Amino acid sequence: MVFLSKIGINDARLKARKQKIIQFKINTENTMTSSKQTKIETKIEPGYETSTFALGVGIAMAAFVGIWGTACLASAMISMGPMNVVKGYISALVG
């Protein structure tokens, strides 16, 4: 400290800086070693979860049936032609 006071840093400022450093070390040690426990509670409604799952499955199946039907219609158009597909559709409705 004597050397520092000779180059222009007085003892009061040096003590204040040391005190800040010590306080910072204490704060960081306390922060790092302490653990905070939080309690999280989740409420699950089985009816809501079941209906959400069933709705998702229904939407997925409807999409699958729609894609399958479009693929079948495209296949019929390619193999028999559009006019024969329309003719077959009308004869199926009328009988």
C-alpha atoms as a PDB file:
ATOM      1  CA  MET A   1       0.000   0.000   0.000  1.00  0.00           C
ATOM      2  CA  VAL A   2       2.878   2.280   0.598  1.00  0.00           C
ATOM      3  CA  PHE A   3       3.981   1.922  -3.016  1.00  0.00           C
ATOM      4  CA  LEU A   4       0.493   2.711  -4.310  1.00  0.00           C
ATOM      5  CA  SER A   5       0.237   5.781  -2.139  1.00  0.00           C
ATOM      6  CA  LYS A   6       3.560   7.006  -3.505  1.00  0.00           C
ATOM      7  CA  ILE A   7       2.301   6.855  -7.105  1.00  0.00           C
ATOM      8  CA  GLY A   8      -0.799   8.875  -6.291  1.00  0.00           C
ATOM      9  CA  ILE A   9      -3.482   6.436  -5.152  1.00  0.00           C
ATOM     10  CA  ASN A  10      -4.523   7.287  -1.622  1.00  0.00           C
ATOM     11  CA  ASP A  11      -5.393   4.690   0.982  1.00  0.00           C
ATOM     12  CA  ALA A  12      -9.090   5.581   1.165  1.00  0.00           C
ATOM     13  CA  ARG A  13      -9.648   4.930  -2.542  1.00  0.00           C
ATOM     14  CA  LEU A  14      -7.656   1.707  -2.356  1.00  0.00           C
ATOM     15  CA  LYS A  15      -9.661   0.488   0.635  1.00  0.00           C
ATOM     16  CA  ALA A  16     -12.921   1.339  -1.148  1.00  0.00           C
ATOM     17  CA  ARG A  17     -11.869  -0.652  -4.210  1.00  0.00           C
ATOM     18  CA  LYS A  18     -10.847  -3.637  -2.079  1.00  0.00           C
ATOM     19  CA  GLN A  19     -14.158  -3.462  -0.233  1.00  0.00           C
ATOM     20  CA  LYS A  20     -16.057  -3.483  -3.568  1.00  0.00           C
ATOM     21  CA  ILE A  21     -14.044  -6.466  -4.801  1.00  0.00           C
ATOM     22  CA  ILE A  22     -14.631  -8.372  -1.565  1.00  0.00           C
ATOM     23  CA  GLN A  23     -18.358  -7.540  -1.664  1.00  0.00           C
ATOM     24  CA  PHE A  24     -18.534  -8.682  -5.308  1.00  0.00           C
ATOM     25  CA  LYS A  25     -16.843 -11.977  -4.438  1.00  0.00           C
ATOM     26  CA  ILE A  26     -19.266 -12.550  -1.578  1.00  0.00           C
ATOM     27  CA  ASN A  27     -22.276 -11.795  -3.795  1.00  0.00           C
ATOM     28  CA  THR A  28     -21.126 -14.067  -6.600  1.00  0.00           C
ATOM     29  CA  GLU A  29     -20.305 -16.893  -4.187  1.00  0.00           C
ATOM     30  CA  ASN A  30     -23.721 -16.622  -2.582  1.00  0.00           C
ATOM     31  CA  THR A  31     -25.419 -16.521  -5.946  1.00  0.00           C
ATOM     32  CA  MET A  32     -23.582 -19.531  -7.301  1.00  0.00           C
ATOM     33  CA  THR A  33     -23.962 -21.720  -4.244  1.00  0.00           C
ATOM     34  CA  SER A  34     -27.573 -20.998  -3.431  1.00  0.00           C
ATOM     35  CA  SER A  35     -30.249 -22.990  -5.161  1.00  0.00           C
ATOM     36  CA  LYS A  36     -33.781 -21.873  -5.700  1.00  0.00           C
ATOM     37  CA  GLN A  37     -36.489 -24.481  -5.847  1.00  0.00           C
ATOM     38  CA  THR A  38     -39.694 -23.710  -7.639  1.00  0.00           C
ATOM     39  CA  LYS A  39     -42.785 -25.830  -7.566  1.00  0.00           C
ATOM     40  CA  ILE A  40     -44.621 -26.169 -10.856  1.00  0.00           C
ATOM     41  CA  GLU A  41     -48.023 -27.755 -10.809  1.00  0.00           C
ATOM     42  CA  THR A  42     -49.671 -28.906 -14.014  1.00  0.00           C
ATOM     43  CA  LYS A  43     -53.319 -29.808 -14.090  1.00  0.00           C
ATOM     44  CA  ILE A  44     -54.344 -32.216 -16.841  1.00  0.00           C
ATOM     45  CA  GLU A  45     -57.939 -32.683 -17.884  1.00  0.00           C
ATOM     46  CA  PRO A  46     -58.309 -36.223 -19.300  1.00  0.00           C
ATOM     47  CA  GLY A  47     -61.483 -35.411 -21.230  1.00  0.00           C
ATOM     48  CA  TYR A  48     -59.883 -32.479 -23.003  1.00  0.00           C
ATOM     49  CA  GLU A  49     -56.714 -34.435 -23.799  1.00  0.00           C
ATOM     50  CA  THR A  50     -58.699 -37.403 -25.136  1.00  0.00           C
ATOM     51  CA  SER A  51     -60.918 -35.264 -27.347  1.00  0.00           C
ATOM     52  CA  THR A  52     -57.894 -33.364 -28.681  1.00  0.00           C
ATOM     53  CA  PHE A  53     -56.188 -36.640 -29.558  1.00  0.00           C
ATOM     54  CA  ALA A  54     -59.340 -38.044 -31.194  1.00  0.00           C
ATOM     55  CA  LEU A  55     -59.789 -34.855 -33.229  1.00  0.00           C
ATOM     56  CA  GLY A  56     -56.176 -35.070 -34.410  1.00  0.00           C
ATOM     57  CA  VAL A  57     -56.590 -38.711 -35.435  1.00  0.00           C
ATOM     58  CA  GLY A  58     -59.834 -37.877 -37.280  1.00  0.00           C
ATOM     59  CA  ILE A  59     -58.208 -35.026 -39.189  1.00  0.00           C
ATOM     60  CA  ALA A  60     -55.241 -37.225 -40.117  1.00  0.00           C
ATOM     61  CA  MET A  61     -57.533 -40.002 -41.383  1.00  0.00           C
ATOM     62  CA  ALA A  62     -59.651 -37.530 -43.384  1.00  0.00           C
ATOM     63  CA  ALA A  63     -56.502 -36.175 -45.020  1.00  0.00           C
ATOM     64  CA  PHE A  64     -55.349 -39.720 -45.816  1.00  0.00           C
ATOM     65  CA  VAL A  65     -58.726 -40.609 -47.409  1.00  0.00           C
ATOM     66  CA  GLY A  66     -58.690 -37.381 -49.434  1.00  0.00           C
ATOM     67  CA  ILE A  67     -55.204 -38.029 -50.764  1.00  0.00           C
ATOM     68  CA  TRP A  68     -56.117 -41.650 -51.575  1.00  0.00           C
ATOM     69  CA  GLY A  69     -59.268 -40.553 -53.445  1.00  0.00           C
ATOM     70  CA  THR A  70     -57.375 -37.964 -55.451  1.00  0.00           C
ATOM     71  CA  ALA A  71     -54.744 -40.554 -56.389  1.00  0.00           C
ATOM     72  CA  CYS A  72     -57.469 -42.998 -57.522  1.00  0.00           C
ATOM     73  CA  LEU A  73     -59.229 -40.318 -59.575  1.00  0.00           C
ATOM     74  CA  ALA A  74     -55.957 -39.306 -61.230  1.00  0.00           C
ATOM     75  CA  SER A  75     -55.216 -42.955 -62.010  1.00  0.00           C
ATOM     76  CA  ALA A  76     -58.661 -43.404 -63.611  1.00  0.00           C
ATOM     77  CA  MET A  77     -58.222 -40.237 -65.682  1.00  0.00           C
ATOM     78  CA  ILE A  78     -54.867 -41.449 -66.956  1.00  0.00           C
ATOM     79  CA  SER A  79     -55.903 -45.017 -67.734  1.00  0.00           C
ATOM     80  CA  MET A  80     -59.429 -44.480 -69.201  1.00  0.00           C
ATOM     81  CA  GLY A  81     -59.528 -40.802 -70.118  1.00  0.00           C
ATOM     82  CA  PRO A  82     -61.646 -38.010 -68.675  1.00  0.00           C
ATOM     83  CA  MET A  83     -64.727 -38.631 -70.838  1.00  0.00           C
ATOM     84  CA  ASN A  84     -65.028 -42.294 -69.862  1.00  0.00           C
ATOM     85  CA  VAL A  85     -64.645 -41.358 -66.176  1.00  0.00           C
ATOM     86  CA  VAL A  86     -67.503 -38.810 -66.448  1.00  0.00           C
ATOM     87  CA  LYS A  87     -69.613 -41.351 -68.408  1.00  0.00           C
ATOM     88  CA  GLY A  88     -68.999 -44.040 -65.773  1.00  0.00           C
ATOM     89  CA  TYR A  89     -69.850 -41.587 -62.960  1.00  0.00           C
ATOM     90  CA  ILE A  90     -73.153 -40.605 -64.585  1.00  0.00           C
ATOM     91  CA  SER A  91     -74.107 -44.240 -65.302  1.00  0.00           C
ATOM     92  CA  ALA A  92     -73.314 -45.113 -61.649  1.00  0.00           C
ATOM     93  CA  LEU A  93     -75.641 -42.349 -60.413  1.00  0.00           C
ATOM     94  CA  VAL A  94     -78.497 -42.975 -62.859  1.00  0.00           C
ATOM     95  CA  GLY A  95     -78.180 -46.724 -63.074  1.00  0.00           C
END
